[in-house]
Amino acid sequence: MKAKKSILSRSILVIFLSFLLTIFWCITPQKAIAVEGKINYTLSELRNEDFSEQDLKGTSFAGADLRGASFKNSDLSLTILTKATFIKADLTGADLTKTFADRAFFDDANLTNAIFTEGILSSTTFYDAIITGADFSDAIIDRYQTSLMCKRAEGVNPVTGVATRDSLGCR
C-alpha cells in the first residue's frame, strides 16, 4: 500500500512540475522559435528590431511586441499578426497580402505604400498611422477604423496602382 502511495505521489509531483515548466515557458518572452523550417516569433519581445528587406512570408508574430520595429520593403504576406503590437513601427513598402491581423495595433505606424490586400484586419487599430499609398483592397476592416482612415487617405500604391481612398471604399 505504501509503495502505491509513493508512486502516486511521485506521479503527481512530476505532473505538477511539468505543468509549472509549461506555464513558465509560455509566459516568458521568447526571441524566436524555429518550427518546421520557419521562424515563429509568437509572444516575442522584438521592440526596435530591424526586419527590413526580409522574406517573412508565412511567419507568426502573434502576440509579439514590435513597437518601433522596421519592416521596410519586407514580405509579410500570409503572416499571423493576431494581437501583435506594431505601434510606431515602420512598414513602408511592406507586403502584408492575405495577412491575418485580428486585434493588432498599427497605431502611429508608418504604412506608406504598404499592401494589405485580402487581409483580415478585424478589431485592428490604425490610430494616427501614416497610410499614404497603402492598398487595403478586399481587406476586412472594421467600419469605424475605415471611416477614420478615410479622413486622411491619400496617394496611390506604386506596386498595385490602387488609390488608398479607393481601396478603403471612401466616398
N, C-alpha and C. Protein backbone atom coordinates (compact mmCIF):
# COMPACT_ATOMS: atom_id res chain seq x y z
N MET A 1 0.82 -1.19 0.00
CA MET A 1 0.00 0.00 0.00
C MET A 1 0.87 1.26 0.00
N LYS A 2 1.96 1.23 0.82
CA LYS A 2 2.85 2.38 0.86
C LYS A 2 3.52 2.60 -0.48
N ALA A 3 3.85 1.54 -1.18
CA ALA A 3 4.51 1.64 -2.48
C ALA A 3 3.58 2.33 -3.49
N LYS A 4 2.27 1.99 -3.47
CA LYS A 4 1.31 2.62 -4.37
C LYS A 4 1.18 4.11 -4.08
N LYS A 5 1.14 4.48 -2.80
CA LYS A 5 1.04 5.89 -2.42
C LYS A 5 2.28 6.65 -2.85
N SER A 6 3.45 6.02 -2.71
CA SER A 6 4.71 6.65 -3.09
C SER A 6 4.75 6.88 -4.60
N ILE A 7 4.35 5.89 -5.37
CA ILE A 7 4.32 6.03 -6.83
C ILE A 7 3.32 7.10 -7.24
N LEU A 8 2.16 7.11 -6.62
CA LEU A 8 1.14 8.10 -6.91
C LEU A 8 1.64 9.50 -6.56
N SER A 9 2.30 9.64 -5.43
CA SER A 9 2.84 10.94 -5.01
C SER A 9 3.88 11.43 -6.00
N ARG A 10 4.79 10.54 -6.42
CA ARG A 10 5.80 10.93 -7.40
C ARG A 10 5.17 11.31 -8.74
N SER A 11 4.17 10.57 -9.15
CA SER A 11 3.49 10.87 -10.42
C SER A 11 2.83 12.25 -10.36
N ILE A 12 2.17 12.54 -9.27
CA ILE A 12 1.53 13.85 -9.09
C ILE A 12 2.57 14.95 -9.08
N LEU A 13 3.69 14.72 -8.43
CA LEU A 13 4.77 15.70 -8.38
C LEU A 13 5.34 15.96 -9.77
N VAL A 14 5.56 14.92 -10.55
CA VAL A 14 6.09 15.06 -11.91
C VAL A 14 5.10 15.83 -12.77
N ILE A 15 3.83 15.51 -12.69
CA ILE A 15 2.80 16.22 -13.46
C ILE A 15 2.77 17.69 -13.06
N PHE A 16 2.81 17.96 -11.78
CA PHE A 16 2.77 19.34 -11.28
C PHE A 16 3.98 20.13 -11.76
N LEU A 17 5.17 19.56 -11.67
CA LEU A 17 6.39 20.25 -12.13
C LEU A 17 6.36 20.47 -13.64
N SER A 18 5.86 19.49 -14.39
CA SER A 18 5.72 19.67 -15.84
C SER A 18 4.77 20.81 -16.15
N PHE A 19 3.68 20.87 -15.42
CA PHE A 19 2.71 21.95 -15.59
C PHE A 19 3.36 23.31 -15.31
N LEU A 20 4.11 23.42 -14.22
CA LEU A 20 4.78 24.69 -13.88
C LEU A 20 5.79 25.10 -14.95
N LEU A 21 6.56 24.15 -15.45
CA LEU A 21 7.53 24.46 -16.50
C LEU A 21 6.84 24.92 -17.78
N THR A 22 5.73 24.29 -18.10
CA THR A 22 4.97 24.70 -19.29
C THR A 22 4.45 26.12 -19.14
N ILE A 23 3.89 26.43 -17.99
CA ILE A 23 3.39 27.79 -17.71
C ILE A 23 4.54 28.78 -17.80
N PHE A 24 5.66 28.50 -17.18
CA PHE A 24 6.81 29.40 -17.20
C PHE A 24 7.28 29.63 -18.63
N TRP A 25 7.36 28.59 -19.42
CA TRP A 25 7.81 28.71 -20.81
C TRP A 25 6.84 29.58 -21.61
N CYS A 26 5.54 29.43 -21.38
CA CYS A 26 4.53 30.18 -22.14
C CYS A 26 4.52 31.66 -21.80
N ILE A 27 4.83 32.03 -20.56
CA ILE A 27 4.75 33.45 -20.19
C ILE A 27 6.08 34.16 -20.29
N THR A 28 7.16 33.44 -20.49
CA THR A 28 8.47 34.07 -20.64
C THR A 28 8.62 34.57 -22.07
N PRO A 29 8.93 35.88 -22.28
CA PRO A 29 9.09 36.39 -23.64
C PRO A 29 10.20 35.63 -24.37
N GLN A 30 9.89 35.24 -25.58
CA GLN A 30 10.84 34.50 -26.40
C GLN A 30 11.38 35.41 -27.49
N LYS A 31 12.56 35.18 -27.94
CA LYS A 31 13.12 35.91 -29.07
C LYS A 31 12.64 35.28 -30.37
N ALA A 32 12.74 33.99 -30.50
CA ALA A 32 12.26 33.29 -31.69
C ALA A 32 12.31 31.79 -31.47
N ILE A 33 11.43 31.09 -32.15
CA ILE A 33 11.40 29.64 -32.07
C ILE A 33 11.31 29.12 -33.50
N ALA A 34 12.16 28.18 -33.86
CA ALA A 34 12.11 27.60 -35.20
C ALA A 34 11.14 26.43 -35.20
N VAL A 35 10.16 26.47 -36.11
CA VAL A 35 9.18 25.41 -36.23
C VAL A 35 9.09 25.04 -37.70
N GLU A 36 9.40 23.80 -38.02
CA GLU A 36 9.31 23.28 -39.38
C GLU A 36 9.99 24.20 -40.39
N GLY A 37 11.18 24.65 -40.09
CA GLY A 37 11.95 25.47 -41.02
C GLY A 37 11.56 26.94 -41.05
N LYS A 38 10.49 27.33 -40.36
CA LYS A 38 10.06 28.72 -40.30
C LYS A 38 10.31 29.25 -38.90
N ILE A 39 10.58 30.54 -38.84
CA ILE A 39 10.79 31.15 -37.53
C ILE A 39 9.45 31.61 -36.99
N ASN A 40 9.17 31.28 -35.76
CA ASN A 40 7.93 31.63 -35.10
C ASN A 40 8.25 32.67 -34.02
N TYR A 41 7.76 33.89 -34.23
CA TYR A 41 8.02 34.97 -33.28
C TYR A 41 6.84 35.19 -32.33
N THR A 42 5.97 34.21 -32.17
CA THR A 42 4.81 34.33 -31.30
C THR A 42 5.24 34.70 -29.88
N LEU A 43 4.57 35.72 -29.33
CA LEU A 43 4.80 36.22 -27.96
C LEU A 43 6.22 36.72 -27.72
N SER A 44 6.90 37.15 -28.78
CA SER A 44 8.28 37.62 -28.65
C SER A 44 8.36 39.11 -28.36
N GLU A 45 9.40 39.50 -27.65
CA GLU A 45 9.73 40.91 -27.39
C GLU A 45 10.70 41.33 -28.48
N LEU A 46 10.23 42.13 -29.44
CA LEU A 46 11.06 42.49 -30.59
C LEU A 46 11.05 44.00 -30.82
N ARG A 47 11.01 44.75 -29.76
CA ARG A 47 10.99 46.21 -29.88
C ARG A 47 12.23 46.71 -30.61
N ASN A 48 11.99 47.62 -31.56
CA ASN A 48 13.05 48.29 -32.31
C ASN A 48 13.94 47.36 -33.13
N GLU A 49 13.51 46.13 -33.38
CA GLU A 49 14.29 45.20 -34.21
C GLU A 49 14.18 45.61 -35.68
N ASP A 50 15.18 45.27 -36.47
CA ASP A 50 15.19 45.60 -37.89
C ASP A 50 14.95 44.34 -38.73
N PHE A 51 13.77 44.30 -39.36
CA PHE A 51 13.40 43.19 -40.25
C PHE A 51 13.31 43.69 -41.69
N SER A 52 13.95 44.79 -42.00
CA SER A 52 13.87 45.40 -43.34
C SER A 52 14.36 44.45 -44.42
N GLU A 53 13.67 44.50 -45.56
CA GLU A 53 14.06 43.74 -46.76
C GLU A 53 14.09 42.23 -46.54
N GLN A 54 13.32 41.70 -45.60
CA GLN A 54 13.36 40.26 -45.32
C GLN A 54 12.14 39.54 -45.86
N ASP A 55 12.31 38.28 -46.20
CA ASP A 55 11.21 37.41 -46.61
C ASP A 55 10.69 36.72 -45.35
N LEU A 56 9.57 37.21 -44.85
CA LEU A 56 8.97 36.68 -43.63
C LEU A 56 7.62 36.03 -43.94
N LYS A 57 7.43 35.66 -45.18
CA LYS A 57 6.17 35.09 -45.64
C LYS A 57 5.78 33.88 -44.79
N GLY A 58 4.54 33.89 -44.29
CA GLY A 58 4.02 32.77 -43.52
C GLY A 58 4.50 32.70 -42.08
N THR A 59 5.17 33.74 -41.62
CA THR A 59 5.70 33.76 -40.25
C THR A 59 4.61 34.16 -39.27
N SER A 60 4.74 33.75 -38.03
CA SER A 60 3.79 34.16 -36.99
C SER A 60 4.45 35.18 -36.05
N PHE A 61 3.75 36.30 -35.89
CA PHE A 61 4.13 37.32 -34.91
C PHE A 61 2.98 37.50 -33.92
N ALA A 62 2.17 36.49 -33.72
CA ALA A 62 1.00 36.57 -32.85
C ALA A 62 1.41 36.97 -31.43
N GLY A 63 0.79 38.03 -30.94
CA GLY A 63 1.05 38.50 -29.58
C GLY A 63 2.43 39.11 -29.38
N ALA A 64 3.17 39.34 -30.46
CA ALA A 64 4.53 39.88 -30.34
C ALA A 64 4.49 41.40 -30.12
N ASP A 65 5.48 41.89 -29.38
CA ASP A 65 5.64 43.33 -29.16
C ASP A 65 6.68 43.83 -30.15
N LEU A 66 6.22 44.55 -31.18
CA LEU A 66 7.07 45.02 -32.27
C LEU A 66 7.12 46.54 -32.33
N ARG A 67 6.96 47.18 -31.19
CA ARG A 67 6.98 48.65 -31.15
C ARG A 67 8.29 49.17 -31.71
N GLY A 68 8.17 50.10 -32.66
CA GLY A 68 9.35 50.73 -33.23
C GLY A 68 10.16 49.84 -34.16
N ALA A 69 9.69 48.64 -34.44
CA ALA A 69 10.43 47.73 -35.33
C ALA A 69 10.32 48.21 -36.78
N SER A 70 11.29 47.83 -37.60
CA SER A 70 11.29 48.22 -39.01
C SER A 70 11.08 47.00 -39.90
N PHE A 71 10.10 47.13 -40.79
CA PHE A 71 9.79 46.08 -41.76
C PHE A 71 9.79 46.68 -43.16
N LYS A 72 10.64 47.66 -43.41
CA LYS A 72 10.67 48.33 -44.71
C LYS A 72 10.88 47.32 -45.83
N ASN A 73 9.96 47.37 -46.81
CA ASN A 73 10.03 46.53 -48.00
C ASN A 73 10.15 45.03 -47.72
N SER A 74 9.58 44.57 -46.61
CA SER A 74 9.61 43.15 -46.27
C SER A 74 8.37 42.44 -46.77
N ASP A 75 8.50 41.14 -47.01
CA ASP A 75 7.37 40.32 -47.41
C ASP A 75 6.77 39.69 -46.15
N LEU A 76 5.62 40.22 -45.75
CA LEU A 76 4.88 39.71 -44.60
C LEU A 76 3.57 39.06 -45.04
N SER A 77 3.51 38.64 -46.29
CA SER A 77 2.28 38.03 -46.78
C SER A 77 2.02 36.71 -46.07
N LEU A 78 0.75 36.42 -45.89
CA LEU A 78 0.30 35.18 -45.24
C LEU A 78 0.80 35.04 -43.80
N THR A 79 1.11 36.14 -43.14
CA THR A 79 1.58 36.08 -41.76
C THR A 79 0.41 36.12 -40.78
N ILE A 80 0.67 35.70 -39.57
CA ILE A 80 -0.31 35.77 -38.48
C ILE A 80 0.17 36.84 -37.52
N LEU A 81 -0.64 37.91 -37.40
CA LEU A 81 -0.27 39.05 -36.57
C LEU A 81 -1.29 39.29 -35.46
N THR A 82 -2.07 38.28 -35.11
CA THR A 82 -3.10 38.42 -34.10
C THR A 82 -2.53 38.97 -32.79
N LYS A 83 -3.16 40.02 -32.30
CA LYS A 83 -2.78 40.68 -31.05
C LYS A 83 -1.35 41.20 -31.03
N ALA A 84 -0.75 41.39 -32.19
CA ALA A 84 0.61 41.94 -32.26
C ALA A 84 0.56 43.46 -32.10
N THR A 85 1.62 44.03 -31.58
CA THR A 85 1.71 45.47 -31.36
C THR A 85 2.76 46.05 -32.28
N PHE A 86 2.30 46.84 -33.27
CA PHE A 86 3.17 47.49 -34.24
C PHE A 86 3.18 49.01 -34.01
N ILE A 87 2.98 49.45 -32.80
CA ILE A 87 2.94 50.88 -32.50
C ILE A 87 4.27 51.51 -32.88
N LYS A 88 4.20 52.58 -33.69
CA LYS A 88 5.36 53.33 -34.19
C LYS A 88 6.33 52.47 -35.01
N ALA A 89 5.83 51.37 -35.55
CA ALA A 89 6.67 50.52 -36.41
C ALA A 89 6.71 51.11 -37.82
N ASP A 90 7.75 50.78 -38.57
CA ASP A 90 7.89 51.26 -39.94
C ASP A 90 7.66 50.09 -40.89
N LEU A 91 6.51 50.12 -41.58
CA LEU A 91 6.15 49.09 -42.54
C LEU A 91 6.09 49.67 -43.94
N THR A 92 6.92 50.66 -44.22
CA THR A 92 6.96 51.31 -45.53
C THR A 92 7.23 50.27 -46.62
N GLY A 93 6.32 50.19 -47.58
CA GLY A 93 6.50 49.27 -48.71
C GLY A 93 6.37 47.80 -48.37
N ALA A 94 5.91 47.46 -47.19
CA ALA A 94 5.78 46.05 -46.80
C ALA A 94 4.58 45.40 -47.50
N ASP A 95 4.73 44.13 -47.84
CA ASP A 95 3.65 43.37 -48.46
C ASP A 95 3.00 42.50 -47.39
N LEU A 96 1.77 42.87 -47.02
CA LEU A 96 1.01 42.14 -46.00
C LEU A 96 -0.22 41.47 -46.63
N THR A 97 -0.09 41.04 -47.87
CA THR A 97 -1.19 40.39 -48.59
C THR A 97 -1.65 39.15 -47.84
N LYS A 98 -2.96 39.02 -47.69
CA LYS A 98 -3.60 37.86 -47.05
C LYS A 98 -3.10 37.62 -45.62
N THR A 99 -2.78 38.70 -44.95
CA THR A 99 -2.33 38.62 -43.57
C THR A 99 -3.52 38.53 -42.62
N PHE A 100 -3.37 37.76 -41.56
CA PHE A 100 -4.40 37.68 -40.52
C PHE A 100 -3.92 38.51 -39.34
N ALA A 101 -4.51 39.71 -39.21
CA ALA A 101 -4.08 40.65 -38.17
C ALA A 101 -5.24 41.03 -37.26
N ASP A 102 -5.93 40.06 -36.75
CA ASP A 102 -7.06 40.27 -35.85
C ASP A 102 -6.56 40.87 -34.53
N ARG A 103 -7.17 41.98 -34.11
CA ARG A 103 -6.87 42.66 -32.84
C ARG A 103 -5.41 43.13 -32.73
N ALA A 104 -4.83 43.52 -33.85
CA ALA A 104 -3.46 44.05 -33.85
C ALA A 104 -3.50 45.56 -33.72
N PHE A 105 -2.37 46.15 -33.36
CA PHE A 105 -2.26 47.61 -33.18
C PHE A 105 -1.21 48.16 -34.13
N PHE A 106 -1.67 49.01 -35.07
CA PHE A 106 -0.78 49.70 -36.01
C PHE A 106 -0.81 51.20 -35.73
N ASP A 107 -1.07 51.58 -34.50
CA ASP A 107 -1.17 52.99 -34.13
C ASP A 107 0.17 53.69 -34.29
N ASP A 108 0.14 54.90 -34.89
CA ASP A 108 1.34 55.71 -35.13
C ASP A 108 2.37 55.00 -36.02
N ALA A 109 1.98 53.95 -36.72
CA ALA A 109 2.90 53.22 -37.60
C ALA A 109 3.00 53.91 -38.95
N ASN A 110 4.11 53.70 -39.63
CA ASN A 110 4.27 54.21 -40.98
C ASN A 110 3.93 53.08 -41.95
N LEU A 111 2.77 53.21 -42.61
CA LEU A 111 2.28 52.20 -43.54
C LEU A 111 2.33 52.72 -44.97
N THR A 112 3.20 53.69 -45.24
CA THR A 112 3.33 54.25 -46.58
C THR A 112 3.60 53.15 -47.60
N ASN A 113 2.75 53.09 -48.62
CA ASN A 113 2.87 52.13 -49.72
C ASN A 113 2.80 50.66 -49.29
N ALA A 114 2.29 50.39 -48.10
CA ALA A 114 2.12 49.00 -47.66
C ALA A 114 0.94 48.38 -48.40
N ILE A 115 0.96 47.06 -48.55
CA ILE A 115 -0.10 46.34 -49.24
C ILE A 115 -0.77 45.38 -48.25
N PHE A 116 -2.06 45.65 -47.99
CA PHE A 116 -2.85 44.84 -47.07
C PHE A 116 -3.97 44.10 -47.81
N THR A 117 -3.84 43.89 -49.10
CA THR A 117 -4.92 43.29 -49.89
C THR A 117 -5.31 41.92 -49.35
N GLU A 118 -6.63 41.70 -49.33
CA GLU A 118 -7.22 40.43 -48.90
C GLU A 118 -6.86 40.03 -47.47
N GLY A 119 -6.47 41.00 -46.65
CA GLY A 119 -6.13 40.70 -45.27
C GLY A 119 -7.35 40.72 -44.36
N ILE A 120 -7.22 40.08 -43.24
CA ILE A 120 -8.26 40.13 -42.21
C ILE A 120 -7.71 41.01 -41.10
N LEU A 121 -8.29 42.20 -40.97
CA LEU A 121 -7.81 43.21 -40.03
C LEU A 121 -8.91 43.58 -39.05
N SER A 122 -9.70 42.62 -38.63
CA SER A 122 -10.83 42.87 -37.74
C SER A 122 -10.34 43.26 -36.34
N SER A 123 -11.04 44.23 -35.77
CA SER A 123 -10.71 44.75 -34.43
C SER A 123 -9.27 45.24 -34.34
N THR A 124 -8.71 45.64 -35.47
CA THR A 124 -7.34 46.16 -35.54
C THR A 124 -7.41 47.67 -35.59
N THR A 125 -6.47 48.36 -34.91
CA THR A 125 -6.50 49.82 -34.88
C THR A 125 -5.35 50.42 -35.69
N PHE A 126 -5.66 51.59 -36.28
CA PHE A 126 -4.72 52.31 -37.13
C PHE A 126 -4.67 53.79 -36.72
N TYR A 127 -4.84 54.08 -35.44
CA TYR A 127 -4.89 55.47 -34.97
C TYR A 127 -3.60 56.19 -35.33
N ASP A 128 -3.75 57.32 -36.03
CA ASP A 128 -2.63 58.19 -36.41
C ASP A 128 -1.56 57.50 -37.25
N ALA A 129 -1.90 56.39 -37.88
CA ALA A 129 -0.94 55.72 -38.76
C ALA A 129 -0.85 56.49 -40.08
N ILE A 130 0.34 56.50 -40.67
CA ILE A 130 0.54 57.11 -41.98
C ILE A 130 0.15 56.05 -43.01
N ILE A 131 -0.89 56.35 -43.80
CA ILE A 131 -1.40 55.35 -44.74
C ILE A 131 -1.28 55.80 -46.20
N THR A 132 -0.48 56.79 -46.46
CA THR A 132 -0.31 57.31 -47.81
C THR A 132 0.15 56.20 -48.76
N GLY A 133 -0.64 55.96 -49.80
CA GLY A 133 -0.29 54.95 -50.80
C GLY A 133 -0.53 53.52 -50.37
N ALA A 134 -1.10 53.30 -49.19
CA ALA A 134 -1.37 51.93 -48.74
C ALA A 134 -2.57 51.37 -49.50
N ASP A 135 -2.54 50.08 -49.79
CA ASP A 135 -3.62 49.42 -50.52
C ASP A 135 -4.31 48.42 -49.59
N PHE A 136 -5.60 48.68 -49.32
CA PHE A 136 -6.40 47.82 -48.45
C PHE A 136 -7.49 47.08 -49.24
N SER A 137 -7.29 46.89 -50.53
CA SER A 137 -8.29 46.26 -51.38
C SER A 137 -8.70 44.88 -50.85
N ASP A 138 -10.01 44.68 -50.77
CA ASP A 138 -10.60 43.40 -50.35
C ASP A 138 -10.19 42.96 -48.95
N ALA A 139 -9.72 43.89 -48.13
CA ALA A 139 -9.37 43.57 -46.74
C ALA A 139 -10.61 43.73 -45.86
N ILE A 140 -10.68 42.95 -44.81
CA ILE A 140 -11.77 43.07 -43.84
C ILE A 140 -11.28 43.98 -42.73
N ILE A 141 -11.92 45.17 -42.64
CA ILE A 141 -11.54 46.19 -41.66
C ILE A 141 -12.82 46.69 -41.00
N ASP A 142 -12.78 46.95 -39.71
CA ASP A 142 -13.94 47.50 -39.02
C ASP A 142 -14.35 48.83 -39.64
N ARG A 143 -15.64 49.06 -39.74
CA ARG A 143 -16.15 50.29 -40.35
C ARG A 143 -15.62 51.54 -39.66
N TYR A 144 -15.56 51.52 -38.35
CA TYR A 144 -15.09 52.69 -37.63
C TYR A 144 -13.65 53.03 -38.01
N GLN A 145 -12.78 52.03 -38.06
CA GLN A 145 -11.39 52.27 -38.44
C GLN A 145 -11.31 52.76 -39.89
N THR A 146 -12.14 52.18 -40.75
CA THR A 146 -12.17 52.61 -42.15
C THR A 146 -12.57 54.07 -42.25
N SER A 147 -13.61 54.46 -41.50
CA SER A 147 -14.05 55.87 -41.56
C SER A 147 -12.97 56.81 -41.05
N LEU A 148 -12.23 56.42 -40.04
CA LEU A 148 -11.13 57.26 -39.54
C LEU A 148 -10.01 57.36 -40.58
N MET A 149 -9.69 56.24 -41.22
CA MET A 149 -8.62 56.25 -42.22
C MET A 149 -9.01 57.03 -43.46
N CYS A 150 -10.29 57.00 -43.82
CA CYS A 150 -10.75 57.75 -44.99
C CYS A 150 -10.51 59.26 -44.83
N LYS A 151 -10.48 59.75 -43.61
CA LYS A 151 -10.25 61.18 -43.36
C LYS A 151 -8.84 61.60 -43.75
N ARG A 152 -7.91 60.66 -43.79
CA ARG A 152 -6.51 61.01 -44.10
C ARG A 152 -5.93 60.19 -45.26
N ALA A 153 -6.80 59.43 -45.92
CA ALA A 153 -6.35 58.58 -47.03
C ALA A 153 -5.97 59.41 -48.24
N GLU A 154 -4.77 59.13 -48.77
CA GLU A 154 -4.31 59.80 -49.98
C GLU A 154 -3.22 58.95 -50.62
N GLY A 155 -2.94 59.26 -51.87
CA GLY A 155 -1.86 58.58 -52.57
C GLY A 155 -2.31 57.33 -53.30
N VAL A 156 -1.40 56.84 -54.12
CA VAL A 156 -1.62 55.64 -54.93
C VAL A 156 -0.47 54.67 -54.66
N ASN A 157 -0.80 53.42 -54.46
CA ASN A 157 0.24 52.43 -54.21
C ASN A 157 1.06 52.22 -55.48
N PRO A 158 2.39 52.36 -55.41
CA PRO A 158 3.24 52.23 -56.60
C PRO A 158 3.31 50.82 -57.17
N VAL A 159 2.99 49.81 -56.40
CA VAL A 159 3.05 48.43 -56.87
C VAL A 159 1.72 48.01 -57.50
N THR A 160 0.62 48.27 -56.79
CA THR A 160 -0.69 47.81 -57.27
C THR A 160 -1.39 48.84 -58.16
N GLY A 161 -0.99 50.12 -58.04
CA GLY A 161 -1.63 51.17 -58.81
C GLY A 161 -3.00 51.58 -58.28
N VAL A 162 -3.35 51.13 -57.08
CA VAL A 162 -4.65 51.41 -56.48
C VAL A 162 -4.54 52.59 -55.50
N ALA A 163 -5.48 53.53 -55.60
CA ALA A 163 -5.51 54.66 -54.68
C ALA A 163 -5.96 54.20 -53.30
N THR A 164 -5.35 54.74 -52.28
CA THR A 164 -5.69 54.36 -50.91
C THR A 164 -7.19 54.58 -50.64
N ARG A 165 -7.70 55.73 -51.06
CA ARG A 165 -9.12 56.04 -50.85
C ARG A 165 -10.01 54.99 -51.51
N ASP A 166 -9.66 54.59 -52.73
CA ASP A 166 -10.47 53.58 -53.43
C ASP A 166 -10.39 52.23 -52.73
N SER A 167 -9.22 51.87 -52.26
CA SER A 167 -9.05 50.57 -51.61
C SER A 167 -9.83 50.47 -50.31
N LEU A 168 -10.07 51.62 -49.67
CA LEU A 168 -10.84 51.67 -48.43
C LEU A 168 -12.34 51.85 -48.68
N GLY A 169 -12.69 52.15 -49.93
CA GLY A 169 -14.09 52.40 -50.25
C GLY A 169 -14.58 53.74 -49.74
N CYS A 170 -13.67 54.73 -49.64
CA CYS A 170 -14.04 56.06 -49.16
C CYS A 170 -14.94 56.76 -50.17
N ARG A 171 -15.86 57.57 -49.66
CA ARG A 171 -16.75 58.35 -50.53
C ARG A 171 -16.08 59.61 -50.96
